[in-house]
Amino acid sequence: MTHLAYDAWLVDLDGTLYHARRLKLVMALDLLIHPRAIRVVRAFRAEHEHLRRDAFQSAEVSPFDEQVARVAQATGMPHDEVRDTVMTWMVNRPSRWLRRFRRESLIRDLNSFRNNGGKTALVSDYPATHKLQALDAAWLFDVVVANGEPDGPDSLKPSASGLLKAATKLEVHPNRCLVVGDRDDADGQAARRAGMGFRLVG
């Protein structure tokens, strides 16, 4: 696929910019002696898939905040504890390892695309800024649209919400955008709904 085929690349984060399976093995070992954290992380991931399946959308509450609220209700844990646990175990602690698991070929492709005049956006269903910094990849993106961060998407992929918001911010028509992701059922479906191209990495 040539760089000139699209004016913008909209890139997923988790599992796309880095090898998620390798990281999950490291984090699973780290979590073994933290049963309360395991409970929260498992519940949070389950609610993520529920919101994805049910096409949750709200102008008042982000999907991230809705997940936290649902997990707090289901587990009986305080809302702030759930949020802190999620941020610790799904954002901060994994970030220590991310640089080791970067997809270097994709990083090179992104850099080359930008050098040829392309625009780029990071579109994530999870908080992204801290992980991008840990990956030393923040400089690769003109725009970040991330769930759980200001001006994030109002629904999760396969909703096209985040992709269309990123295209608007980049001032690029959707049919001139390529979505890069690791899940055809999420990233790929969202791309098709938005009228964008799709590149599967894995």
N, C-alpha and C. Protein backbone atom coordinates (compact mmCIF):
# COMPACT_ATOMS: atom_id res chain seq x y z
N MET A 1 0.85 -1.19 0.00
CA MET A 1 0.00 0.00 0.00
C MET A 1 0.89 1.24 0.00
N THR A 2 0.69 2.10 -0.97
CA THR A 2 1.54 3.28 -1.08
C THR A 2 1.10 4.37 -0.13
N HIS A 3 2.05 5.22 0.21
CA HIS A 3 1.75 6.34 1.10
C HIS A 3 0.73 7.30 0.48
N LEU A 4 0.72 7.38 -0.86
CA LEU A 4 -0.14 8.35 -1.53
C LEU A 4 -1.59 7.89 -1.64
N ALA A 5 -1.89 6.65 -1.24
CA ALA A 5 -3.26 6.13 -1.35
C ALA A 5 -4.21 6.85 -0.41
N TYR A 6 -3.70 7.40 0.70
CA TYR A 6 -4.53 8.07 1.70
C TYR A 6 -3.85 9.36 2.17
N ASP A 7 -4.66 10.27 2.65
CA ASP A 7 -4.14 11.53 3.20
C ASP A 7 -3.89 11.45 4.70
N ALA A 8 -4.57 10.49 5.37
CA ALA A 8 -4.43 10.37 6.82
C ALA A 8 -4.51 8.91 7.25
N TRP A 9 -3.74 8.58 8.27
CA TRP A 9 -3.82 7.27 8.93
C TRP A 9 -4.38 7.48 10.33
N LEU A 10 -5.40 6.70 10.68
CA LEU A 10 -6.00 6.73 12.01
C LEU A 10 -5.65 5.40 12.68
N VAL A 11 -4.85 5.47 13.72
CA VAL A 11 -4.19 4.28 14.25
C VAL A 11 -4.70 3.92 15.64
N ASP A 12 -5.01 2.65 15.84
CA ASP A 12 -5.36 2.11 17.15
C ASP A 12 -4.08 2.02 17.99
N LEU A 13 -4.24 1.90 19.30
CA LEU A 13 -3.08 1.81 20.20
C LEU A 13 -2.82 0.39 20.68
N ASP A 14 -3.69 -0.11 21.57
CA ASP A 14 -3.43 -1.38 22.24
C ASP A 14 -3.53 -2.55 21.27
N GLY A 15 -2.44 -3.29 21.15
CA GLY A 15 -2.39 -4.42 20.22
C GLY A 15 -1.98 -4.03 18.82
N THR A 16 -1.90 -2.73 18.57
CA THR A 16 -1.53 -2.24 17.24
C THR A 16 -0.13 -1.62 17.25
N LEU A 17 0.08 -0.63 18.10
CA LEU A 17 1.40 -0.03 18.20
C LEU A 17 2.38 -0.89 18.98
N TYR A 18 1.86 -1.85 19.72
CA TYR A 18 2.74 -2.78 20.44
C TYR A 18 2.10 -4.17 20.44
N HIS A 19 2.92 -5.19 20.72
CA HIS A 19 2.47 -6.58 20.74
C HIS A 19 1.77 -6.86 22.07
N ALA A 20 0.46 -6.91 22.05
CA ALA A 20 -0.33 -7.00 23.29
C ALA A 20 -0.15 -8.34 24.00
N ARG A 21 -0.03 -9.43 23.27
CA ARG A 21 0.05 -10.74 23.92
C ARG A 21 1.28 -10.84 24.82
N ARG A 22 2.39 -10.32 24.36
CA ARG A 22 3.62 -10.37 25.16
C ARG A 22 3.46 -9.55 26.43
N LEU A 23 2.85 -8.38 26.29
CA LEU A 23 2.65 -7.54 27.46
C LEU A 23 1.70 -8.20 28.46
N LYS A 24 0.64 -8.83 27.96
CA LYS A 24 -0.34 -9.47 28.84
C LYS A 24 0.30 -10.58 29.68
N LEU A 25 1.26 -11.29 29.13
CA LEU A 25 1.97 -12.32 29.88
C LEU A 25 2.75 -11.71 31.04
N VAL A 26 3.43 -10.62 30.76
CA VAL A 26 4.20 -9.95 31.81
C VAL A 26 3.26 -9.42 32.90
N MET A 27 2.17 -8.80 32.49
CA MET A 27 1.25 -8.23 33.46
C MET A 27 0.50 -9.30 34.25
N ALA A 28 0.23 -10.44 33.64
CA ALA A 28 -0.44 -11.53 34.35
C ALA A 28 0.42 -12.01 35.52
N LEU A 29 1.71 -12.10 35.31
CA LEU A 29 2.63 -12.49 36.39
C LEU A 29 2.66 -11.43 37.48
N ASP A 30 2.65 -10.18 37.07
CA ASP A 30 2.69 -9.06 38.02
C ASP A 30 1.42 -9.03 38.88
N LEU A 31 0.30 -9.42 38.28
CA LEU A 31 -0.99 -9.35 38.96
C LEU A 31 -1.25 -10.51 39.93
N LEU A 32 -0.48 -11.57 39.82
CA LEU A 32 -0.76 -12.79 40.59
C LEU A 32 -0.91 -12.55 42.08
N ILE A 33 -0.13 -11.65 42.63
CA ILE A 33 -0.17 -11.44 44.07
C ILE A 33 -1.08 -10.25 44.46
N HIS A 34 -1.94 -9.85 43.51
CA HIS A 34 -2.87 -8.74 43.76
C HIS A 34 -4.28 -9.17 43.38
N PRO A 35 -4.90 -10.06 44.15
CA PRO A 35 -6.22 -10.60 43.78
C PRO A 35 -7.31 -9.53 43.66
N ARG A 36 -7.25 -8.49 44.48
CA ARG A 36 -8.28 -7.44 44.38
C ARG A 36 -8.16 -6.70 43.05
N ALA A 37 -6.94 -6.45 42.63
CA ALA A 37 -6.72 -5.79 41.35
C ALA A 37 -7.15 -6.69 40.19
N ILE A 38 -6.89 -7.99 40.30
CA ILE A 38 -7.32 -8.93 39.26
C ILE A 38 -8.82 -8.85 39.07
N ARG A 39 -9.54 -8.81 40.18
CA ARG A 39 -11.00 -8.74 40.12
C ARG A 39 -11.47 -7.50 39.37
N VAL A 40 -10.85 -6.37 39.65
CA VAL A 40 -11.24 -5.12 39.00
C VAL A 40 -10.91 -5.15 37.52
N VAL A 41 -9.70 -5.58 37.19
CA VAL A 41 -9.27 -5.60 35.78
C VAL A 41 -10.16 -6.53 34.95
N ARG A 42 -10.46 -7.71 35.48
CA ARG A 42 -11.32 -8.64 34.75
C ARG A 42 -12.71 -8.05 34.54
N ALA A 43 -13.25 -7.43 35.60
CA ALA A 43 -14.58 -6.84 35.50
C ALA A 43 -14.59 -5.67 34.52
N PHE A 44 -13.51 -4.89 34.53
CA PHE A 44 -13.43 -3.74 33.64
C PHE A 44 -13.38 -4.19 32.18
N ARG A 45 -12.59 -5.22 31.90
CA ARG A 45 -12.51 -5.73 30.52
C ARG A 45 -13.85 -6.31 30.08
N ALA A 46 -14.53 -7.00 30.99
CA ALA A 46 -15.85 -7.56 30.66
C ALA A 46 -16.84 -6.45 30.34
N GLU A 47 -16.84 -5.38 31.13
CA GLU A 47 -17.75 -4.28 30.87
C GLU A 47 -17.40 -3.57 29.56
N HIS A 48 -16.14 -3.54 29.23
CA HIS A 48 -15.71 -2.95 27.96
C HIS A 48 -16.39 -3.67 26.80
N GLU A 49 -16.36 -5.00 26.84
CA GLU A 49 -16.98 -5.78 25.77
C GLU A 49 -18.51 -5.63 25.79
N HIS A 50 -19.08 -5.49 26.99
CA HIS A 50 -20.53 -5.28 27.08
C HIS A 50 -20.92 -3.96 26.42
N LEU A 51 -20.17 -2.90 26.71
CA LEU A 51 -20.46 -1.60 26.12
C LEU A 51 -20.26 -1.64 24.61
N ARG A 52 -19.26 -2.37 24.16
CA ARG A 52 -19.01 -2.51 22.72
C ARG A 52 -20.18 -3.24 22.06
N ARG A 53 -20.58 -4.35 22.67
CA ARG A 53 -21.66 -5.17 22.12
C ARG A 53 -22.99 -4.42 22.10
N ASP A 54 -23.25 -3.66 23.18
CA ASP A 54 -24.54 -2.96 23.32
C ASP A 54 -24.56 -1.60 22.64
N ALA A 55 -23.44 -1.22 22.01
CA ALA A 55 -23.33 0.07 21.32
C ALA A 55 -23.67 1.24 22.25
N PHE A 56 -23.11 1.19 23.47
CA PHE A 56 -23.33 2.28 24.43
C PHE A 56 -22.87 3.60 23.84
N GLN A 57 -23.70 4.63 24.01
CA GLN A 57 -23.34 5.96 23.53
C GLN A 57 -23.99 7.00 24.43
N SER A 58 -23.22 8.01 24.82
CA SER A 58 -23.74 9.05 25.68
C SER A 58 -22.98 10.34 25.46
N ALA A 59 -23.72 11.44 25.44
CA ALA A 59 -23.09 12.75 25.31
C ALA A 59 -22.63 13.27 26.66
N GLU A 60 -23.13 12.67 27.76
CA GLU A 60 -22.82 13.15 29.10
C GLU A 60 -21.73 12.34 29.80
N VAL A 61 -21.68 11.03 29.55
CA VAL A 61 -20.75 10.14 30.25
C VAL A 61 -19.90 9.40 29.23
N SER A 62 -18.57 9.44 29.41
CA SER A 62 -17.70 8.72 28.50
C SER A 62 -17.83 7.22 28.73
N PRO A 63 -17.55 6.41 27.72
CA PRO A 63 -17.57 4.96 27.94
C PRO A 63 -16.66 4.54 29.08
N PHE A 64 -15.53 5.20 29.22
CA PHE A 64 -14.59 4.86 30.30
C PHE A 64 -15.23 5.07 31.67
N ASP A 65 -15.85 6.22 31.86
CA ASP A 65 -16.49 6.51 33.14
C ASP A 65 -17.67 5.57 33.40
N GLU A 66 -18.38 5.20 32.34
CA GLU A 66 -19.48 4.25 32.49
C GLU A 66 -18.96 2.88 32.92
N GLN A 67 -17.84 2.46 32.34
CA GLN A 67 -17.22 1.19 32.75
C GLN A 67 -16.85 1.22 34.23
N VAL A 68 -16.20 2.29 34.65
CA VAL A 68 -15.80 2.42 36.06
C VAL A 68 -17.03 2.34 36.96
N ALA A 69 -18.09 3.05 36.61
CA ALA A 69 -19.30 3.06 37.42
C ALA A 69 -19.92 1.68 37.51
N ARG A 70 -19.95 0.96 36.39
CA ARG A 70 -20.54 -0.37 36.38
C ARG A 70 -19.72 -1.36 37.21
N VAL A 71 -18.40 -1.25 37.12
CA VAL A 71 -17.54 -2.15 37.90
C VAL A 71 -17.69 -1.85 39.39
N ALA A 72 -17.75 -0.59 39.75
CA ALA A 72 -17.94 -0.22 41.16
C ALA A 72 -19.25 -0.79 41.69
N GLN A 73 -20.29 -0.71 40.89
CA GLN A 73 -21.58 -1.23 41.31
C GLN A 73 -21.54 -2.76 41.42
N ALA A 74 -20.92 -3.42 40.45
CA ALA A 74 -20.89 -4.88 40.44
C ALA A 74 -20.03 -5.46 41.55
N THR A 75 -18.95 -4.78 41.90
CA THR A 75 -18.01 -5.32 42.90
C THR A 75 -18.25 -4.78 44.30
N GLY A 76 -19.00 -3.68 44.40
CA GLY A 76 -19.21 -3.05 45.70
C GLY A 76 -18.03 -2.24 46.17
N MET A 77 -17.06 -2.02 45.28
CA MET A 77 -15.88 -1.22 45.63
C MET A 77 -16.16 0.26 45.40
N PRO A 78 -15.47 1.13 46.13
CA PRO A 78 -15.64 2.57 45.90
C PRO A 78 -15.24 2.96 44.48
N HIS A 79 -15.97 3.91 43.93
CA HIS A 79 -15.72 4.36 42.57
C HIS A 79 -14.27 4.79 42.37
N ASP A 80 -13.74 5.59 43.30
CA ASP A 80 -12.37 6.09 43.16
C ASP A 80 -11.35 4.96 43.20
N GLU A 81 -11.61 3.94 44.03
CA GLU A 81 -10.69 2.80 44.08
C GLU A 81 -10.67 2.04 42.76
N VAL A 82 -11.85 1.87 42.18
CA VAL A 82 -11.92 1.18 40.89
C VAL A 82 -11.15 1.96 39.83
N ARG A 83 -11.40 3.26 39.77
CA ARG A 83 -10.71 4.08 38.77
C ARG A 83 -9.19 4.06 38.98
N ASP A 84 -8.75 4.20 40.22
CA ASP A 84 -7.31 4.18 40.50
C ASP A 84 -6.69 2.84 40.14
N THR A 85 -7.42 1.76 40.43
CA THR A 85 -6.91 0.41 40.12
C THR A 85 -6.79 0.21 38.61
N VAL A 86 -7.80 0.65 37.88
CA VAL A 86 -7.76 0.55 36.42
C VAL A 86 -6.58 1.34 35.86
N MET A 87 -6.41 2.56 36.30
CA MET A 87 -5.32 3.39 35.79
C MET A 87 -3.96 2.81 36.16
N THR A 88 -3.86 2.24 37.35
CA THR A 88 -2.59 1.65 37.78
C THR A 88 -2.23 0.42 36.95
N TRP A 89 -3.20 -0.49 36.82
CA TRP A 89 -2.90 -1.80 36.23
C TRP A 89 -3.14 -1.89 34.73
N MET A 90 -3.85 -0.93 34.15
CA MET A 90 -4.09 -0.99 32.71
C MET A 90 -3.41 0.14 31.95
N VAL A 91 -2.85 1.10 32.69
CA VAL A 91 -2.16 2.22 32.03
C VAL A 91 -0.75 2.40 32.58
N ASN A 92 -0.64 2.69 33.88
CA ASN A 92 0.66 3.08 34.43
C ASN A 92 1.67 1.93 34.52
N ARG A 93 1.30 0.83 35.17
CA ARG A 93 2.25 -0.28 35.30
C ARG A 93 2.61 -0.92 33.97
N PRO A 94 1.66 -1.14 33.06
CA PRO A 94 2.05 -1.69 31.76
C PRO A 94 3.01 -0.78 30.99
N SER A 95 2.92 0.52 31.23
CA SER A 95 3.75 1.46 30.48
C SER A 95 5.24 1.24 30.69
N ARG A 96 5.60 0.62 31.81
CA ARG A 96 7.02 0.34 32.07
C ARG A 96 7.60 -0.61 31.04
N TRP A 97 6.74 -1.43 30.43
CA TRP A 97 7.21 -2.48 29.53
C TRP A 97 6.96 -2.17 28.05
N LEU A 98 6.18 -1.16 27.77
CA LEU A 98 5.71 -0.96 26.40
C LEU A 98 6.83 -0.78 25.38
N ARG A 99 7.87 -0.06 25.76
CA ARG A 99 8.95 0.24 24.80
C ARG A 99 9.56 -1.04 24.25
N ARG A 100 9.57 -2.10 25.07
CA ARG A 100 10.16 -3.37 24.64
C ARG A 100 9.32 -4.09 23.58
N PHE A 101 8.02 -3.76 23.56
CA PHE A 101 7.11 -4.52 22.71
C PHE A 101 6.56 -3.71 21.54
N ARG A 102 7.21 -2.60 21.21
CA ARG A 102 6.75 -1.77 20.09
C ARG A 102 6.78 -2.56 18.78
N ARG A 103 5.82 -2.26 17.91
CA ARG A 103 5.88 -2.78 16.54
C ARG A 103 6.76 -1.82 15.73
N GLU A 104 8.02 -2.13 15.67
CA GLU A 104 8.98 -1.21 15.06
C GLU A 104 8.68 -0.98 13.59
N SER A 105 8.21 -2.00 12.88
CA SER A 105 7.92 -1.82 11.46
C SER A 105 6.79 -0.82 11.25
N LEU A 106 5.78 -0.86 12.11
CA LEU A 106 4.68 0.10 12.00
C LEU A 106 5.14 1.50 12.37
N ILE A 107 5.98 1.61 13.38
CA ILE A 107 6.54 2.92 13.75
C ILE A 107 7.29 3.52 12.56
N ARG A 108 8.06 2.69 11.87
CA ARG A 108 8.79 3.17 10.69
C ARG A 108 7.83 3.59 9.58
N ASP A 109 6.78 2.80 9.37
CA ASP A 109 5.79 3.14 8.35
C ASP A 109 5.12 4.48 8.65
N LEU A 110 4.76 4.68 9.92
CA LEU A 110 4.14 5.94 10.32
C LEU A 110 5.07 7.13 10.09
N ASN A 111 6.31 6.95 10.46
CA ASN A 111 7.29 8.02 10.28
C ASN A 111 7.46 8.35 8.80
N SER A 112 7.53 7.32 7.97
CA SER A 112 7.68 7.53 6.53
C SER A 112 6.45 8.22 5.95
N PHE A 113 5.27 7.79 6.39
CA PHE A 113 4.02 8.40 5.91
C PHE A 113 3.99 9.89 6.26
N ARG A 114 4.37 10.23 7.48
CA ARG A 114 4.40 11.63 7.89
C ARG A 114 5.43 12.43 7.10
N ASN A 115 6.57 11.82 6.84
CA ASN A 115 7.61 12.50 6.08
C ASN A 115 7.18 12.78 4.65
N ASN A 116 6.20 12.00 4.17
CA ASN A 116 5.67 12.20 2.83
C ASN A 116 4.42 13.09 2.82
N GLY A 117 4.17 13.77 3.95
CA GLY A 117 3.09 14.74 4.01
C GLY A 117 1.79 14.22 4.58
N GLY A 118 1.75 12.97 5.04
CA GLY A 118 0.52 12.41 5.58
C GLY A 118 0.21 12.94 6.97
N LYS A 119 -1.07 12.95 7.30
CA LYS A 119 -1.53 13.32 8.64
C LYS A 119 -1.84 12.06 9.43
N THR A 120 -1.73 12.14 10.76
CA THR A 120 -1.95 10.96 11.58
C THR A 120 -2.75 11.29 12.83
N ALA A 121 -3.56 10.30 13.25
CA ALA A 121 -4.30 10.43 14.50
C ALA A 121 -4.25 9.10 15.23
N LEU A 122 -4.22 9.16 16.54
CA LEU A 122 -4.33 7.98 17.39
C LEU A 122 -5.76 7.92 17.89
N VAL A 123 -6.45 6.81 17.65
CA VAL A 123 -7.85 6.66 18.07
C VAL A 123 -7.94 5.40 18.92
N SER A 124 -8.19 5.59 20.23
CA SER A 124 -8.14 4.48 21.17
C SER A 124 -9.39 4.39 22.03
N ASP A 125 -9.77 3.15 22.36
CA ASP A 125 -10.89 2.91 23.27
C ASP A 125 -10.45 2.94 24.73
N TYR A 126 -9.18 3.24 24.98
CA TYR A 126 -8.63 3.33 26.34
C TYR A 126 -7.82 4.62 26.46
N PRO A 127 -7.53 5.08 27.67
CA PRO A 127 -6.64 6.23 27.83
C PRO A 127 -5.31 5.97 27.10
N ALA A 128 -4.80 6.98 26.41
CA ALA A 128 -3.67 6.73 25.50
C ALA A 128 -2.43 7.58 25.74
N THR A 129 -2.58 8.78 26.28
CA THR A 129 -1.45 9.72 26.32
C THR A 129 -0.25 9.17 27.06
N HIS A 130 -0.47 8.59 28.24
CA HIS A 130 0.65 8.06 29.03
C HIS A 130 1.35 6.92 28.29
N LYS A 131 0.57 6.05 27.67
CA LYS A 131 1.17 4.93 26.94
C LYS A 131 1.95 5.41 25.72
N LEU A 132 1.42 6.42 25.03
CA LEU A 132 2.15 6.96 23.88
C LEU A 132 3.51 7.51 24.30
N GLN A 133 3.54 8.18 25.44
CA GLN A 133 4.81 8.71 25.93
C GLN A 133 5.77 7.58 26.29
N ALA A 134 5.23 6.53 26.91
CA ALA A 134 6.06 5.38 27.28
C ALA A 134 6.61 4.67 26.04
N LEU A 135 5.84 4.67 24.97
CA LEU A 135 6.26 4.06 23.71
C LEU A 135 7.22 4.94 22.92
N ASP A 136 7.41 6.18 23.38
CA ASP A 136 8.15 7.18 22.63
C ASP A 136 7.54 7.34 21.24
N ALA A 137 6.20 7.46 21.22
CA ALA A 137 5.49 7.53 19.95
C ALA A 137 4.53 8.72 19.86
N ALA A 138 4.48 9.54 20.90
CA ALA A 138 3.55 10.67 20.88
C ALA A 138 3.84 11.62 19.72
N TRP A 139 5.08 11.74 19.35
CA TRP A 139 5.47 12.65 18.29
C TRP A 139 4.95 12.22 16.91
N LEU A 140 4.49 10.99 16.81
CA LEU A 140 4.01 10.47 15.53
C LEU A 140 2.59 10.93 15.18
N PHE A 141 1.89 11.57 16.13
CA PHE A 141 0.47 11.84 15.92
C PHE A 141 0.13 13.32 16.04
N ASP A 142 -0.65 13.78 15.08
CA ASP A 142 -1.14 15.16 15.10
C ASP A 142 -2.31 15.32 16.06
N VAL A 143 -3.08 14.25 16.23
CA VAL A 143 -4.32 14.29 17.00
C VAL A 143 -4.43 13.00 17.81
N VAL A 144 -4.95 13.11 19.04
CA VAL A 144 -5.25 11.93 19.86
C VAL A 144 -6.72 12.00 20.28
N VAL A 145 -7.47 10.95 19.95
CA VAL A 145 -8.86 10.81 20.36
C VAL A 145 -8.94 9.53 21.18
N ALA A 146 -9.02 9.67 22.51
CA ALA A 146 -8.91 8.51 23.39
C ALA A 146 -10.02 8.48 24.43
N ASN A 147 -10.62 7.33 24.61
CA ASN A 147 -11.63 7.12 25.64
C ASN A 147 -11.01 7.36 27.02
N GLY A 148 -11.71 8.12 27.86
CA GLY A 148 -11.20 8.41 29.19
C GLY A 148 -10.34 9.66 29.25
N GLU A 149 -10.20 10.35 28.12
CA GLU A 149 -9.44 11.59 28.06
C GLU A 149 -10.34 12.69 27.47
N PRO A 150 -10.00 13.95 27.69
CA PRO A 150 -10.84 15.04 27.18
C PRO A 150 -11.11 14.93 25.68
N ASP A 151 -12.36 15.20 25.29
CA ASP A 151 -12.79 15.18 23.90
C ASP A 151 -12.58 13.81 23.25
N GLY A 152 -12.77 12.76 24.05
CA GLY A 152 -12.66 11.41 23.52
C GLY A 152 -13.93 10.98 22.80
N PRO A 153 -13.99 9.76 22.30
CA PRO A 153 -15.18 9.28 21.60
C PRO A 153 -16.34 9.08 22.56
N ASP A 154 -17.56 9.19 22.05
CA ASP A 154 -18.72 8.98 22.91
C ASP A 154 -19.23 7.55 22.84
N SER A 155 -18.56 6.71 22.08
CA SER A 155 -18.89 5.29 22.00
C SER A 155 -17.66 4.52 21.54
N LEU A 156 -17.66 3.22 21.81
CA LEU A 156 -16.52 2.38 21.50
C LEU A 156 -16.61 1.79 20.09
N LYS A 157 -15.47 1.44 19.53
CA LYS A 157 -15.47 0.70 18.27
C LYS A 157 -16.24 -0.61 18.49
N PRO A 158 -17.04 -1.07 17.54
CA PRO A 158 -17.02 -0.69 16.12
C PRO A 158 -17.84 0.54 15.74
N SER A 159 -18.26 1.34 16.71
CA SER A 159 -18.82 2.64 16.37
C SER A 159 -17.76 3.46 15.64
N ALA A 160 -18.22 4.24 14.68
CA ALA A 160 -17.29 5.07 13.91
C ALA A 160 -17.03 6.42 14.57
N SER A 161 -17.60 6.65 15.75
CA SER A 161 -17.54 7.95 16.42
C SER A 161 -16.13 8.50 16.54
N GLY A 162 -15.22 7.72 17.12
CA GLY A 162 -13.86 8.21 17.34
C GLY A 162 -13.12 8.47 16.04
N LEU A 163 -13.32 7.62 15.05
CA LEU A 163 -12.66 7.79 13.76
C LEU A 163 -13.14 9.06 13.06
N LEU A 164 -14.43 9.27 13.07
CA LEU A 164 -14.98 10.46 12.41
C LEU A 164 -14.55 11.74 13.13
N LYS A 165 -14.46 11.67 14.46
CA LYS A 165 -13.99 12.83 15.22
C LYS A 165 -12.53 13.15 14.85
N ALA A 166 -11.71 12.10 14.72
CA ALA A 166 -10.31 12.30 14.36
C ALA A 166 -10.18 12.88 12.95
N ALA A 167 -10.98 12.35 12.01
CA ALA A 167 -10.93 12.87 10.63
C ALA A 167 -11.31 14.34 10.59
N THR A 168 -12.31 14.71 11.37
CA THR A 168 -12.73 16.12 11.43
C THR A 168 -11.61 16.99 11.98
N LYS A 169 -10.97 16.53 13.05
CA LYS A 169 -9.87 17.30 13.63
C LYS A 169 -8.71 17.46 12.65
N LEU A 170 -8.47 16.43 11.84
CA LEU A 170 -7.38 16.48 10.86
C LEU A 170 -7.78 17.24 9.60
N GLU A 171 -9.08 17.50 9.46
CA GLU A 171 -9.63 18.15 8.27
C GLU A 171 -9.35 17.32 7.02
N VAL A 172 -9.64 16.01 7.15
CA VAL A 172 -9.47 15.06 6.05
C VAL A 172 -10.80 14.33 5.84
N HIS A 173 -11.25 14.21 4.60
CA HIS A 173 -12.50 13.50 4.32
C HIS A 173 -12.34 12.02 4.69
N PRO A 174 -13.39 11.40 5.24
CA PRO A 174 -13.28 9.99 5.65
C PRO A 174 -12.77 9.05 4.56
N ASN A 175 -13.16 9.27 3.30
CA ASN A 175 -12.71 8.33 2.26
C ASN A 175 -11.25 8.51 1.90
N ARG A 176 -10.58 9.48 2.51
CA ARG A 176 -9.14 9.66 2.33
C ARG A 176 -8.36 9.21 3.57
N CYS A 177 -9.06 8.48 4.45
CA CYS A 177 -8.44 8.00 5.69
C CYS A 177 -8.25 6.49 5.67
N LEU A 178 -7.13 6.03 6.21
CA LEU A 178 -6.85 4.61 6.41
C LEU A 178 -6.82 4.33 7.90
N VAL A 179 -7.60 3.36 8.34
CA VAL A 179 -7.58 2.92 9.74
C VAL A 179 -6.60 1.77 9.87
N VAL A 180 -5.74 1.83 10.88
CA VAL A 180 -4.76 0.78 11.15
C VAL A 180 -5.07 0.19 12.52
N GLY A 181 -5.38 -1.10 12.56
CA GLY A 181 -5.73 -1.72 13.83
C GLY A 181 -5.50 -3.22 13.84
N ASP A 182 -5.69 -3.83 15.02
CA ASP A 182 -5.42 -5.26 15.19
C ASP A 182 -6.67 -6.11 15.29
N ARG A 183 -7.87 -5.48 15.26
CA ARG A 183 -9.12 -6.24 15.37
C ARG A 183 -10.06 -5.86 14.23
N ASP A 184 -10.34 -6.84 13.37
CA ASP A 184 -11.27 -6.55 12.27
C ASP A 184 -12.68 -6.32 12.79
N ASP A 185 -13.04 -6.99 13.91
CA ASP A 185 -14.39 -6.85 14.43
C ASP A 185 -14.61 -5.51 15.13
N ALA A 186 -13.55 -4.82 15.45
CA ALA A 186 -13.66 -3.52 16.11
C ALA A 186 -13.12 -2.42 15.19
N ASP A 187 -11.81 -2.40 14.97
CA ASP A 187 -11.20 -1.38 14.12
C ASP A 187 -11.70 -1.47 12.67
N GLY A 188 -11.73 -2.70 12.14
CA GLY A 188 -12.14 -2.88 10.76
C GLY A 188 -13.60 -2.51 10.53
N GLN A 189 -14.46 -2.98 11.43
CA GLN A 189 -15.88 -2.66 11.29
C GLN A 189 -16.13 -1.16 11.44
N ALA A 190 -15.44 -0.53 12.38
CA ALA A 190 -15.57 0.93 12.55
C ALA A 190 -15.13 1.66 11.28
N ALA A 191 -14.03 1.19 10.68
CA ALA A 191 -13.55 1.81 9.44
C ALA A 191 -14.58 1.70 8.33
N ARG A 192 -15.17 0.52 8.19
CA ARG A 192 -16.17 0.34 7.13
C ARG A 192 -17.39 1.22 7.37
N ARG A 193 -17.81 1.35 8.62
CA ARG A 193 -18.95 2.21 8.93
C ARG A 193 -18.65 3.68 8.64
N ALA A 194 -17.37 4.04 8.79
CA ALA A 194 -16.98 5.43 8.54
C ALA A 194 -16.66 5.71 7.08
N GLY A 195 -16.65 4.65 6.25
CA GLY A 195 -16.29 4.83 4.85
C GLY A 195 -14.80 5.01 4.64
N MET A 196 -14.01 4.37 5.50
CA MET A 196 -12.55 4.49 5.45
C MET A 196 -11.91 3.17 5.03
N GLY A 197 -10.65 3.23 4.61
CA GLY A 197 -9.90 2.02 4.34
C GLY A 197 -9.45 1.38 5.63
N PHE A 198 -8.98 0.12 5.54
CA PHE A 198 -8.54 -0.58 6.75
C PHE A 198 -7.31 -1.43 6.46
N ARG A 199 -6.36 -1.37 7.38
CA ARG A 199 -5.16 -2.22 7.35
C ARG A 199 -5.10 -3.00 8.66
N LEU A 200 -5.13 -4.31 8.57
CA LEU A 200 -5.07 -5.18 9.75
C LEU A 200 -3.63 -5.51 10.06
N VAL A 201 -3.23 -5.32 11.31
CA VAL A 201 -1.90 -5.73 11.76
C VAL A 201 -2.06 -6.86 12.77
N GLY A 202 -1.08 -7.72 12.86
CA GLY A 202 -1.19 -8.83 13.79
C GLY A 202 0.06 -9.67 13.81
